[in-house]
């Protein structure tokens, strides 16, 4: 009897030590201790779940799935096993299975914040934006300070073309996690989509400062300034640049000097260069072959038609954006 009690105490100590290691992110060291405890209690639902967690964080998804499935077999009504399986299948891009387990977890405990958060992501990845938003809004009521939830709601609102609501939640997410480069960048893109270019550039610059090695953030900031802000007559560009925050202006000028000329050209300039190149190629062909230039009239007509179509398309996009902006201003 005393030996059994000693075994229980040793197992409890192993489990407690494993939990402490898990809290520190030392999953490889926690696994042998959890496995030792599981040998003593092979039908323990909790130990199976924790092993699934450890393998999940080590990105060993095969073992994570195996232990989570065993936990579910031991306790079909255990919401945590469903929760863990939902995340495993999301990482593996098996979104239908992820959604099935996320919904199963909610059916067991509908008022759990993490279950709602998981369901929101599973619905999001399945393309069910309205259902994802409903789940995320339910979760935010339980955890109003959760930056990840605010960011998810903002992403959903942005995808549903509700930019003002998206901006509101990005700002709230930033309030709770001010050092997140991704939130700064997404807020910047949201502001740029509302033609708030100056403030957008400042937030994306903040993302660049937080993660200076990220080419994505640098490219996003450069493109917003170069293609959105400076897509205007030449005489207006210096004035527009002068309105930028000095740090943003310095970043832009530095990037401009580092990038090749071709990468900094706008669509119209690229199209013009291609037209010039094709014309020179055509003239060279005529000079070499001695063919009558009239034989190539059809080709020239097609090139000019494509160029005109691109130009008209660009004008239409500008007009549409301007009309939407005026509409938003009228509504506000």
C-alpha atoms as a PDB file:
ATOM      1  CA  UNK A   1       0.000   0.000   0.000  1.00  0.00           C
ATOM      2  CA  UNK A   2       2.823   2.387   0.897  1.00  0.00           C
ATOM      3  CA  UNK A   3       4.597   1.558  -2.409  1.00  0.00           C
ATOM      4  CA  UNK A   4       1.465   2.504  -4.366  1.00  0.00           C
ATOM      5  CA  UNK A   5       1.231   5.804  -2.480  1.00  0.00           C
ATOM      6  CA  UNK A   6       4.899   6.494  -3.202  1.00  0.00           C
ATOM      7  CA  UNK A   7       4.333   5.776  -6.910  1.00  0.00           C
ATOM      8  CA  UNK A   8       1.408   8.216  -6.988  1.00  0.00           C
ATOM      9  CA  UNK A   9       3.513  10.911  -5.299  1.00  0.00           C
ATOM     10  CA  UNK A  10       6.418  10.331  -7.724  1.00  0.00           C
ATOM     11  CA  UNK A  11       4.045  10.511 -10.688  1.00  0.00           C
ATOM     12  CA  UNK A  12       2.528  13.719  -9.336  1.00  0.00           C
ATOM     13  CA  UNK A  13       5.995  15.229  -8.934  1.00  0.00           C
ATOM     14  CA  UNK A  14       6.927  14.205 -12.508  1.00  0.00           C
ATOM     15  CA  UNK A  15       3.739  15.760 -13.826  1.00  0.00           C
ATOM     16  CA  UNK A  16       4.279  18.981 -11.853  1.00  0.00           C
ATOM     17  CA  UNK A  17       7.863  19.228 -13.114  1.00  0.00           C
ATOM     18  CA  UNK A  18       6.654  18.599 -16.682  1.00  0.00           C
ATOM     19  CA  UNK A  19       4.101  21.389 -16.300  1.00  0.00           C
ATOM     20  CA  UNK A  20       6.794  23.780 -15.091  1.00  0.00           C
ATOM     21  CA  UNK A  21       8.953  22.883 -18.093  1.00  0.00           C
ATOM     22  CA  UNK A  22       5.985  23.369 -20.437  1.00  0.00           C
ATOM     23  CA  UNK A  23       5.444  26.841 -18.986  1.00  0.00           C
ATOM     24  CA  UNK A  24       9.059  27.654 -19.881  1.00  0.00           C
ATOM     25  CA  UNK A  25       8.639  26.298 -23.417  1.00  0.00           C
ATOM     26  CA  UNK A  26      11.017  23.389 -22.744  1.00  0.00           C
ATOM     27  CA  UNK A  27       8.775  20.805 -24.389  1.00  0.00           C
ATOM     28  CA  UNK A  28      11.486  18.294 -25.278  1.00  0.00           C
ATOM     29  CA  UNK A  29      12.391  17.966 -21.591  1.00  0.00           C
ATOM     30  CA  UNK A  30       8.747  17.753 -20.531  1.00  0.00           C
ATOM     31  CA  UNK A  31       7.871  14.849 -22.853  1.00  0.00           C
ATOM     32  CA  UNK A  32       9.911  12.118 -21.026  1.00  0.00           C
ATOM     33  CA  UNK A  33       8.346  13.140 -17.698  1.00  0.00           C
ATOM     34  CA  UNK A  34       4.823  13.095 -19.135  1.00  0.00           C
ATOM     35  CA  UNK A  35       5.534   9.746 -20.809  1.00  0.00           C
ATOM     36  CA  UNK A  36       6.762   8.349 -17.475  1.00  0.00           C
ATOM     37  CA  UNK A  37       3.565   9.510 -15.785  1.00  0.00           C
ATOM     38  CA  UNK A  38       1.480   8.039 -18.607  1.00  0.00           C
ATOM     39  CA  UNK A  39       3.138   4.648 -18.075  1.00  0.00           C
ATOM     40  CA  UNK A  40       1.728   4.685 -14.531  1.00  0.00           C
ATOM     41  CA  UNK A  41      -1.705   5.970 -15.624  1.00  0.00           C
ATOM     42  CA  UNK A  42      -2.229   4.838 -19.248  1.00  0.00           C
ATOM     43  CA  UNK A  43      -5.898   5.912 -19.291  1.00  0.00           C
ATOM     44  CA  UNK A  44      -5.326   9.443 -18.057  1.00  0.00           C
ATOM     45  CA  UNK A  45      -7.093  11.913 -20.381  1.00  0.00           C
ATOM     46  CA  UNK A  46      -5.146  14.934 -19.108  1.00  0.00           C
ATOM     47  CA  UNK A  47      -1.713  13.370 -19.705  1.00  0.00           C
ATOM     48  CA  UNK A  48      -2.639  12.471 -23.278  1.00  0.00           C
ATOM     49  CA  UNK A  49      -3.748  16.064 -23.884  1.00  0.00           C
ATOM     50  CA  UNK A  50      -0.556  17.515 -22.467  1.00  0.00           C
ATOM     51  CA  UNK A  51       1.584  15.221 -24.585  1.00  0.00           C
ATOM     52  CA  UNK A  52      -0.457  16.318 -27.608  1.00  0.00           C
ATOM     53  CA  UNK A  53       0.304  19.936 -26.620  1.00  0.00           C
ATOM     54  CA  UNK A  54       4.038  19.284 -26.237  1.00  0.00           C
ATOM     55  CA  UNK A  55       4.335  17.585 -29.626  1.00  0.00           C
ATOM     56  CA  UNK A  56       2.192  20.297 -31.234  1.00  0.00           C
ATOM     57  CA  UNK A  57       4.527  23.065 -30.046  1.00  0.00           C
ATOM     58  CA  UNK A  58       7.500  21.040 -31.287  1.00  0.00           C
ATOM     59  CA  UNK A  59       5.725  20.870 -34.693  1.00  0.00           C
ATOM     60  CA  UNK A  60       5.575  17.070 -34.516  1.00  0.00           C
ATOM     61  CA  UNK A  61       1.993  17.030 -35.735  1.00  0.00           C
ATOM     62  CA  UNK A  62       1.816  13.277 -36.297  1.00  0.00           C
ATOM     63  CA  UNK A  63       2.472  12.488 -32.622  1.00  0.00           C
ATOM     64  CA  UNK A  64       0.334  15.434 -31.523  1.00  0.00           C
ATOM     65  CA  UNK A  65      -2.615  14.093 -33.509  1.00  0.00           C
ATOM     66  CA  UNK A  66      -2.040  10.571 -32.200  1.00  0.00           C
ATOM     67  CA  UNK A  67      -2.132  11.608 -28.514  1.00  0.00           C
ATOM     68  CA  UNK A  68      -5.092  13.957 -29.044  1.00  0.00           C
ATOM     69  CA  UNK A  69      -7.058  11.196 -30.762  1.00  0.00           C
ATOM     70  CA  UNK A  70      -6.256   8.804 -27.908  1.00  0.00           C
ATOM     71  CA  UNK A  71      -7.422  11.439 -25.421  1.00  0.00           C
ATOM     72  CA  UNK A  72     -10.662  11.812 -27.375  1.00  0.00           C
ATOM     73  CA  UNK A  73     -11.132   8.030 -27.339  1.00  0.00           C
ATOM     74  CA  UNK A  74     -10.723   8.040 -23.551  1.00  0.00           C
ATOM     75  CA  UNK A  75     -13.162  10.936 -23.107  1.00  0.00           C
ATOM     76  CA  UNK A  76     -15.404  11.648 -26.152  1.00  0.00           C
ATOM     77  CA  UNK A  77     -16.909  14.625 -24.296  1.00  0.00           C
ATOM     78  CA  UNK A  78     -13.576  16.254 -23.558  1.00  0.00           C
ATOM     79  CA  UNK A  79     -13.550  19.662 -25.248  1.00  0.00           C
ATOM     80  CA  UNK A  80      -9.780  20.126 -24.891  1.00  0.00           C
ATOM     81  CA  UNK A  81      -8.957  17.154 -27.146  1.00  0.00           C
ATOM     82  CA  UNK A  82     -11.286  18.615 -29.787  1.00  0.00           C
ATOM     83  CA  UNK A  83      -9.633  22.017 -29.290  1.00  0.00           C
ATOM     84  CA  UNK A  84      -6.137  20.609 -29.820  1.00  0.00           C
ATOM     85  CA  UNK A  85      -7.194  18.557 -32.862  1.00  0.00           C
ATOM     86  CA  UNK A  86      -8.789  21.642 -34.417  1.00  0.00           C
ATOM     87  CA  UNK A  87      -5.465  23.495 -34.239  1.00  0.00           C
ATOM     88  CA  UNK A  88      -3.488  20.497 -35.500  1.00  0.00           C
ATOM     89  CA  UNK A  89      -5.727  20.217 -38.559  1.00  0.00           C
ATOM     90  CA  UNK A  90      -5.606  23.971 -39.197  1.00  0.00           C
ATOM     91  CA  UNK A  91      -1.808  23.844 -39.279  1.00  0.00           C
ATOM     92  CA  UNK A  92      -2.052  20.870 -41.664  1.00  0.00           C
ATOM     93  CA  UNK A  93      -4.550  22.832 -43.837  1.00  0.00           C
ATOM     94  CA  UNK A  94      -7.253  20.219 -43.290  1.00  0.00           C
ATOM     95  CA  UNK A  95      -9.877  22.879 -42.645  1.00  0.00           C
ATOM     96  CA  UNK A  96     -12.946  20.661 -42.863  1.00  0.00           C
ATOM     97  CA  UNK A  97     -11.607  18.413 -40.064  1.00  0.00           C
ATOM     98  CA  UNK A  98     -10.511  21.482 -38.082  1.00  0.00           C
ATOM     99  CA  UNK A  99     -13.993  22.978 -38.328  1.00  0.00           C
ATOM    100  CA  UNK A 100     -15.583  19.696 -37.267  1.00  0.00           C
ATOM    101  CA  UNK A 101     -13.481  19.533 -34.084  1.00  0.00           C
ATOM    102  CA  UNK A 102     -13.826  23.255 -33.338  1.00  0.00           C
ATOM    103  CA  UNK A 103     -17.616  22.929 -33.499  1.00  0.00           C
ATOM    104  CA  UNK A 104     -17.461  19.791 -31.340  1.00  0.00           C
ATOM    105  CA  UNK A 105     -15.473  21.685 -28.671  1.00  0.00           C
ATOM    106  CA  UNK A 106     -18.075  24.477 -28.692  1.00  0.00           C
ATOM    107  CA  UNK A 107     -20.912  21.959 -28.322  1.00  0.00           C
ATOM    108  CA  UNK A 108     -19.255  20.716 -25.107  1.00  0.00           C
ATOM    109  CA  UNK A 109     -18.360  24.139 -23.664  1.00  0.00           C
ATOM    110  CA  UNK A 110     -19.935  27.021 -25.607  1.00  0.00           C
ATOM    111  CA  UNK A 111     -18.800  29.687 -23.133  1.00  0.00           C
ATOM    112  CA  UNK A 112     -15.077  28.987 -23.268  1.00  0.00           C
ATOM    113  CA  UNK A 113     -13.066  31.883 -24.741  1.00  0.00           C
ATOM    114  CA  UNK A 114     -10.423  29.682 -26.375  1.00  0.00           C
ATOM    115  CA  UNK A 115     -13.043  27.386 -27.892  1.00  0.00           C
ATOM    116  CA  UNK A 116     -14.752  30.405 -29.462  1.00  0.00           C
ATOM    117  CA  UNK A 117     -11.409  31.760 -30.640  1.00  0.00           C
ATOM    118  CA  UNK A 118     -10.581  28.397 -32.236  1.00  0.00           C
ATOM    119  CA  UNK A 119     -13.992  28.210 -33.883  1.00  0.00           C
ATOM    120  CA  UNK A 120     -13.530  31.719 -35.285  1.00  0.00           C
ATOM    121  CA  UNK A 121     -10.245  30.719 -36.919  1.00  0.00           C
ATOM    122  CA  UNK A 122     -11.652  27.450 -38.254  1.00  0.00           C
ATOM    123  CA  UNK A 123     -14.650  29.253 -39.781  1.00  0.00           C
ATOM    124  CA  UNK A 124     -12.297  31.926 -41.165  1.00  0.00           C
ATOM    125  CA  UNK A 125     -10.075  29.366 -42.893  1.00  0.00           C
ATOM    126  CA  UNK A 126     -13.191  27.665 -44.269  1.00  0.00           C
ATOM    127  CA  UNK A 127     -14.274  30.947 -45.867  1.00  0.00           C
ATOM    128  CA  UNK A 128     -17.260  31.427 -43.524  1.00  0.00           C
ATOM    129  CA  UNK A 129     -16.552  35.053 -42.604  1.00  0.00           C
ATOM    130  CA  UNK A 130     -19.918  35.835 -41.005  1.00  0.00           C
ATOM    131  CA  UNK A 131     -19.800  32.738 -38.769  1.00  0.00           C
ATOM    132  CA  UNK A 132     -16.161  33.490 -37.925  1.00  0.00           C
ATOM    133  CA  UNK A 133     -17.052  37.045 -36.969  1.00  0.00           C
ATOM    134  CA  UNK A 134     -19.932  35.866 -34.765  1.00  0.00           C
ATOM    135  CA  UNK A 135     -17.621  33.452 -32.914  1.00  0.00           C
ATOM    136  CA  UNK A 136     -14.877  36.062 -32.522  1.00  0.00           C
ATOM    137  CA  UNK A 137     -17.331  38.661 -31.209  1.00  0.00           C
ATOM    138  CA  UNK A 138     -18.593  36.080 -28.708  1.00  0.00           C
ATOM    139  CA  UNK A 139     -15.033  35.429 -27.569  1.00  0.00           C
ATOM    140  CA  UNK A 140     -14.180  39.130 -27.250  1.00  0.00           C
ATOM    141  CA  UNK A 141     -16.995  39.556 -24.729  1.00  0.00           C
ATOM    142  CA  UNK A 142     -15.214  37.000 -22.535  1.00  0.00           C
ATOM    143  CA  UNK A 143     -11.726  38.427 -23.163  1.00  0.00           C
ATOM    144  CA  UNK A 144     -11.977  42.104 -24.105  1.00  0.00           C
ATOM    145  CA  UNK A 145      -8.208  42.619 -23.630  1.00  0.00           C
ATOM    146  CA  UNK A 146      -7.219  39.848 -26.043  1.00  0.00           C
ATOM    147  CA  UNK A 147      -5.141  41.508 -28.790  1.00  0.00           C
ATOM    148  CA  UNK A 148      -5.226  38.406 -31.004  1.00  0.00           C
ATOM    149  CA  UNK A 149      -9.024  38.414 -30.953  1.00  0.00           C
ATOM    150  CA  UNK A 150      -9.224  42.110 -31.855  1.00  0.00           C
ATOM    151  CA  UNK A 151      -6.772  41.507 -34.698  1.00  0.00           C
ATOM    152  CA  UNK A 152      -8.835  38.572 -35.978  1.00  0.00           C
ATOM    153  CA  UNK A 153     -12.056  40.614 -35.860  1.00  0.00           C
ATOM    154  CA  UNK A 154     -10.279  43.431 -37.715  1.00  0.00           C
ATOM    155  CA  UNK A 155      -9.061  40.998 -40.400  1.00  0.00           C
ATOM    156  CA  UNK A 156     -12.596  39.691 -40.858  1.00  0.00           C
ATOM    157  CA  UNK A 157     -14.108  43.170 -41.019  1.00  0.00           C
ATOM    158  CA  UNK A 158     -11.474  44.238 -43.550  1.00  0.00           C
ATOM    159  CA  UNK A 159     -12.185  41.190 -45.739  1.00  0.00           C
ATOM    160  CA  UNK A 160     -15.873  42.077 -45.599  1.00  0.00           C
ATOM    161  CA  UNK A 161     -15.017  45.643 -46.781  1.00  0.00           C
ATOM    162  CA  UNK A 162     -15.917  47.196 -43.413  1.00  0.00           C
ATOM    163  CA  UNK A 163     -12.778  49.281 -43.166  1.00  0.00           C
ATOM    164  CA  UNK A 164     -13.870  51.637 -40.373  1.00  0.00           C
ATOM    165  CA  UNK A 165     -14.807  48.727 -38.108  1.00  0.00           C
ATOM    166  CA  UNK A 166     -11.546  47.003 -39.034  1.00  0.00           C
ATOM    167  CA  UNK A 167      -9.583  50.143 -38.152  1.00  0.00           C
ATOM    168  CA  UNK A 168     -11.315  50.338 -34.768  1.00  0.00           C
ATOM    169  CA  UNK A 169     -10.325  46.768 -33.841  1.00  0.00           C
ATOM    170  CA  UNK A 170      -6.768  47.092 -35.186  1.00  0.00           C
ATOM    171  CA  UNK A 171      -6.355  50.134 -32.924  1.00  0.00           C
ATOM    172  CA  UNK A 172      -7.778  48.188 -29.990  1.00  0.00           C
ATOM    173  CA  UNK A 173      -5.424  45.279 -30.713  1.00  0.00           C
ATOM    174  CA  UNK A 174      -2.503  47.714 -30.837  1.00  0.00           C
ATOM    175  CA  UNK A 175      -3.517  49.154 -27.484  1.00  0.00           C
ATOM    176  CA  UNK A 176      -3.088  45.705 -25.894  1.00  0.00           C
ATOM    177  CA  UNK A 177      -0.030  44.709 -27.934  1.00  0.00           C
ATOM    178  CA  UNK A 178       1.818  47.878 -29.003  1.00  0.00           C
ATOM    179  CA  UNK A 179       4.993  46.008 -30.015  1.00  0.00           C
ATOM    180  CA  UNK A 180       3.274  43.833 -32.644  1.00  0.00           C
ATOM    181  CA  UNK A 181       4.745  44.542 -36.076  1.00  0.00           C
ATOM    182  CA  UNK A 182       1.928  42.679 -37.833  1.00  0.00           C
ATOM    183  CA  UNK A 183      -0.790  44.777 -36.177  1.00  0.00           C
ATOM    184  CA  UNK A 184       1.020  48.008 -37.084  1.00  0.00           C
ATOM    185  CA  UNK A 185       1.328  46.813 -40.682  1.00  0.00           C
ATOM    186  CA  UNK A 186      -2.301  45.655 -40.993  1.00  0.00           C
ATOM    187  CA  UNK A 187      -3.546  48.902 -39.465  1.00  0.00           C
ATOM    188  CA  UNK A 188      -1.384  50.790 -41.962  1.00  0.00           C
ATOM    189  CA  UNK A 189      -2.835  48.840 -44.892  1.00  0.00           C
ATOM    190  CA  UNK A 190      -6.343  49.455 -43.564  1.00  0.00           C
ATOM    191  CA  UNK A 191      -5.674  53.197 -43.308  1.00  0.00           C
ATOM    192  CA  UNK A 192      -4.131  53.254 -46.792  1.00  0.00           C
ATOM    193  CA  UNK A 193      -7.287  51.605 -48.150  1.00  0.00           C
ATOM    194  CA  UNK A 194      -9.173  54.607 -46.719  1.00  0.00           C
ATOM    195  CA  UNK A 195      -6.706  57.032 -48.376  1.00  0.00           C
ATOM    196  CA  UNK A 196      -5.168  57.964 -44.995  1.00  0.00           C
ATOM    197  CA  UNK A 197      -1.704  57.619 -46.478  1.00  0.00           C
ATOM    198  CA  UNK A 198       0.296  59.763 -44.035  1.00  0.00           C
ATOM    199  CA  UNK A 199      -0.894  57.944 -40.908  1.00  0.00           C
ATOM    200  CA  UNK A 200      -0.681  54.594 -42.728  1.00  0.00           C
ATOM    201  CA  UNK A 201       2.984  55.181 -43.553  1.00  0.00           C
ATOM    202  CA  UNK A 202       3.800  55.975 -39.910  1.00  0.00           C
ATOM    203  CA  UNK A 203       2.294  52.681 -38.681  1.00  0.00           C
ATOM    204  CA  UNK A 204       4.041  50.596 -41.320  1.00  0.00           C
ATOM    205  CA  UNK A 205       7.302  52.367 -40.486  1.00  0.00           C
ATOM    206  CA  UNK A 206       6.725  51.288 -36.873  1.00  0.00           C
ATOM    207  CA  UNK A 207       6.446  47.683 -38.142  1.00  0.00           C
ATOM    208  CA  UNK A 208       9.751  48.115 -40.004  1.00  0.00           C
ATOM    209  CA  UNK A 209      11.433  49.418 -36.834  1.00  0.00           C
ATOM    210  CA  UNK A 210      10.129  46.476 -34.775  1.00  0.00           C
ATOM    211  CA  UNK A 211      11.193  43.894 -37.375  1.00  0.00           C
ATOM    212  CA  UNK A 212      13.871  45.582 -39.518  1.00  0.00           C
ATOM    213  CA  UNK A 213      14.806  42.292 -41.212  1.00  0.00           C
ATOM    214  CA  UNK A 214      11.322  41.875 -42.714  1.00  0.00           C
ATOM    215  CA  UNK A 215      11.356  42.599 -46.438  1.00  0.00           C
ATOM    216  CA  UNK A 216       7.551  42.372 -46.461  1.00  0.00           C
ATOM    217  CA  UNK A 217       7.132  45.401 -44.207  1.00  0.00           C
ATOM    218  CA  UNK A 218       9.747  47.405 -46.112  1.00  0.00           C
ATOM    219  CA  UNK A 219       8.135  46.585 -49.463  1.00  0.00           C
ATOM    220  CA  UNK A 220       4.658  47.416 -48.135  1.00  0.00           C
ATOM    221  CA  UNK A 221       5.783  50.832 -46.894  1.00  0.00           C
ATOM    222  CA  UNK A 222       7.694  51.643 -50.052  1.00  0.00           C
ATOM    223  CA  UNK A 223       4.810  50.606 -52.322  1.00  0.00           C
ATOM    224  CA  UNK A 224       2.232  52.626 -50.387  1.00  0.00           C
ATOM    225  CA  UNK A 225       4.345  55.770 -50.681  1.00  0.00           C
ATOM    226  CA  UNK A 226       5.580  55.185 -54.210  1.00  0.00           C
ATOM    227  CA  UNK A 227       2.449  53.922 -55.939  1.00  0.00           C
ATOM    228  CA  UNK A 228      -0.352  55.411 -53.855  1.00  0.00           C
ATOM    229  CA  UNK A 229       0.891  58.715 -52.475  1.00  0.00           C
ATOM    230  CA  UNK A 230       3.084  59.681 -55.417  1.00  0.00           C
ATOM    231  CA  UNK A 231       0.700  58.626 -58.166  1.00  0.00           C
ATOM    232  CA  UNK A 232       0.102  62.240 -59.001  1.00  0.00           C
ATOM    233  CA  UNK A 233       1.476  64.945 -61.336  1.00  0.00           C
ATOM    234  CA  UNK A 234       5.222  65.499 -61.105  1.00  0.00           C
ATOM    235  CA  UNK A 235       4.927  69.055 -59.729  1.00  0.00           C
ATOM    236  CA  UNK A 236       2.830  67.789 -56.791  1.00  0.00           C
ATOM    237  CA  UNK A 237       5.188  65.012 -55.683  1.00  0.00           C
ATOM    238  CA  UNK A 238       7.709  67.151 -53.780  1.00  0.00           C
ATOM    239  CA  UNK A 239       4.886  68.836 -51.911  1.00  0.00           C
ATOM    240  CA  UNK A 240       3.390  65.441 -51.021  1.00  0.00           C
ATOM    241  CA  UNK A 241       6.775  64.171 -49.844  1.00  0.00           C
ATOM    242  CA  UNK A 242       7.285  67.230 -47.656  1.00  0.00           C
ATOM    243  CA  UNK A 243       4.093  66.389 -45.744  1.00  0.00           C
ATOM    244  CA  UNK A 244       5.424  62.973 -44.766  1.00  0.00           C
ATOM    245  CA  UNK A 245       6.936  62.323 -41.353  1.00  0.00           C
ATOM    246  CA  UNK A 246      10.707  62.988 -41.704  1.00  0.00           C
ATOM    247  CA  UNK A 247      11.533  59.377 -40.770  1.00  0.00           C
ATOM    248  CA  UNK A 248       9.130  58.066 -43.426  1.00  0.00           C
ATOM    249  CA  UNK A 249      10.548  60.456 -46.012  1.00  0.00           C
ATOM    250  CA  UNK A 250      14.112  59.382 -45.193  1.00  0.00           C
ATOM    251  CA  UNK A 251      13.091  55.705 -45.462  1.00  0.00           C
ATOM    252  CA  UNK A 252      11.480  56.296 -48.864  1.00  0.00           C
ATOM    253  CA  UNK A 253      14.443  58.208 -50.291  1.00  0.00           C
ATOM    254  CA  UNK A 254      16.861  55.581 -48.973  1.00  0.00           C
ATOM    255  CA  UNK A 255      14.839  52.739 -50.500  1.00  0.00           C
ATOM    256  CA  UNK A 256      14.497  54.640 -53.777  1.00  0.00           C
ATOM    257  CA  UNK A 257      18.282  54.866 -54.050  1.00  0.00           C
ATOM    258  CA  UNK A 258      18.711  51.155 -53.244  1.00  0.00           C
ATOM    259  CA  UNK A 259      16.161  49.786 -55.716  1.00  0.00           C
ATOM    260  CA  UNK A 260      16.643  49.363 -59.431  1.00  0.00           C
ATOM    261  CA  UNK A 261      15.006  51.923 -61.689  1.00  0.00           C
ATOM    262  CA  UNK A 262      12.707  49.336 -63.237  1.00  0.00           C
ATOM    263  CA  UNK A 263      11.268  48.347 -59.841  1.00  0.00           C
ATOM    264  CA  UNK A 264      10.306  51.941 -59.089  1.00  0.00           C
ATOM    265  CA  UNK A 265       8.397  52.550 -62.320  1.00  0.00           C
ATOM    266  CA  UNK A 266       4.613  52.887 -62.307  1.00  0.00           C
ATOM    267  CA  UNK A 267       2.341  50.843 -64.545  1.00  0.00           C
ATOM    268  CA  UNK A 268       2.028  53.572 -67.204  1.00  0.00           C
ATOM    269  CA  UNK A 269       5.813  53.964 -67.380  1.00  0.00           C
ATOM    270  CA  UNK A 270       6.318  50.214 -67.705  1.00  0.00           C
ATOM    271  CA  UNK A 271       3.697  50.042 -70.463  1.00  0.00           C
ATOM    272  CA  UNK A 272       5.384  52.940 -72.289  1.00  0.00           C
ATOM    273  CA  UNK A 273       8.770  51.238 -72.125  1.00  0.00           C
ATOM    274  CA  UNK A 274       7.315  47.997 -73.446  1.00  0.00           C
ATOM    275  CA  UNK A 275       5.635  49.884 -76.300  1.00  0.00           C
ATOM    276  CA  UNK A 276       8.924  51.588 -77.158  1.00  0.00           C
ATOM    277  CA  UNK A 277      10.795  48.277 -76.994  1.00  0.00           C
ATOM    278  CA  UNK A 278       8.284  46.556 -79.286  1.00  0.00           C
ATOM    279  CA  UNK A 279       8.385  49.439 -81.758  1.00  0.00           C
ATOM    280  CA  UNK A 280      12.183  49.317 -81.946  1.00  0.00           C
ATOM    281  CA  UNK A 281      12.040  45.538 -82.324  1.00  0.00           C
ATOM    282  CA  UNK A 282       9.544  45.921 -85.152  1.00  0.00           C
ATOM    283  CA  UNK A 283      11.722  48.499 -86.948  1.00  0.00           C
ATOM    284  CA  UNK A 284      14.777  46.267 -86.557  1.00  0.00           C
ATOM    285  CA  UNK A 285      12.826  43.354 -88.024  1.00  0.00           C
ATOM    286  CA  UNK A 286      11.792  45.482 -91.040  1.00  0.00           C
ATOM    287  CA  UNK A 287      15.376  46.682 -91.547  1.00  0.00           C
ATOM    288  CA  UNK A 288      16.763  43.115 -91.471  1.00  0.00           C
ATOM    289  CA  UNK A 289      14.098  41.468 -93.651  1.00  0.00           C
ATOM    290  CA  UNK A 290      13.280  44.386 -95.938  1.00  0.00           C
ATOM    291  CA  UNK A 291       9.546  43.653 -95.568  1.00  0.00           C
ATOM    292  CA  UNK A 292       6.933  46.279 -96.249  1.00  0.00           C
ATOM    293  CA  UNK A 293       6.009  48.074 -93.012  1.00  0.00           C
ATOM    294  CA  UNK A 294       2.323  47.790 -93.951  1.00  0.00           C
ATOM    295  CA  UNK A 295       2.472  44.043 -93.230  1.00  0.00           C
ATOM    296  CA  UNK A 296       3.000  44.872 -89.575  1.00  0.00           C
ATOM    297  CA  UNK A 297       0.160  47.355 -89.305  1.00  0.00           C
ATOM    298  CA  UNK A 298      -2.050  44.789 -87.585  1.00  0.00           C
ATOM    299  CA  UNK A 299       0.578  44.114 -84.956  1.00  0.00           C
ATOM    300  CA  UNK A 300       1.015  47.822 -84.265  1.00  0.00           C
ATOM    301  CA  UNK A 301      -2.762  48.227 -83.955  1.00  0.00           C
ATOM    302  CA  UNK A 302      -2.961  45.438 -81.357  1.00  0.00           C
ATOM    303  CA  UNK A 303      -0.114  46.950 -79.306  1.00  0.00           C
ATOM    304  CA  UNK A 304      -1.729  50.393 -79.355  1.00  0.00           C
ATOM    305  CA  UNK A 305      -5.106  48.887 -78.422  1.00  0.00           C
ATOM    306  CA  UNK A 306      -3.607  47.066 -75.395  1.00  0.00           C
ATOM    307  CA  UNK A 307      -1.827  50.235 -74.271  1.00  0.00           C
ATOM    308  CA  UNK A 308      -5.050  52.278 -74.610  1.00  0.00           C
ATOM    309  CA  UNK A 309      -6.993  49.615 -72.688  1.00  0.00           C
ATOM    310  CA  UNK A 310      -4.478  49.733 -69.823  1.00  0.00           C
ATOM    311  CA  UNK A 311      -4.630  53.512 -69.715  1.00  0.00           C
ATOM    312  CA  UNK A 312      -8.454  53.606 -69.729  1.00  0.00           C
ATOM    313  CA  UNK A 313      -8.571  50.862 -67.099  1.00  0.00           C
ATOM    314  CA  UNK A 314      -6.295  52.847 -64.818  1.00  0.00           C
ATOM    315  CA  UNK A 315      -8.456  55.960 -65.245  1.00  0.00           C
ATOM    316  CA  UNK A 316     -11.563  53.937 -64.434  1.00  0.00           C
ATOM    317  CA  UNK A 317     -10.016  52.529 -61.253  1.00  0.00           C
ATOM    318  CA  UNK A 318      -9.025  56.040 -60.141  1.00  0.00           C
ATOM    319  CA  UNK A 319     -12.528  57.344 -60.850  1.00  0.00           C
ATOM    320  CA  UNK A 320     -14.145  54.445 -58.958  1.00  0.00           C
ATOM    321  CA  UNK A 321     -11.871  54.963 -55.941  1.00  0.00           C
ATOM    322  CA  UNK A 322     -12.627  58.703 -55.972  1.00  0.00           C
ATOM    323  CA  UNK A 323     -16.378  58.058 -56.158  1.00  0.00           C
ATOM    324  CA  UNK A 324     -16.242  55.599 -53.240  1.00  0.00           C
ATOM    325  CA  UNK A 325     -14.203  58.077 -51.202  1.00  0.00           C
ATOM    326  CA  UNK A 326     -16.776  60.821 -51.812  1.00  0.00           C
ATOM    327  CA  UNK A 327     -19.555  58.426 -50.869  1.00  0.00           C
ATOM    328  CA  UNK A 328     -17.816  57.528 -47.585  1.00  0.00           C
ATOM    329  CA  UNK A 329     -17.270  61.205 -46.795  1.00  0.00           C
ATOM    330  CA  UNK A 330     -20.954  61.900 -47.431  1.00  0.00           C
ATOM    331  CA  UNK A 331     -21.995  59.008 -45.202  1.00  0.00           C
ATOM    332  CA  UNK A 332     -19.716  60.189 -42.387  1.00  0.00           C
END
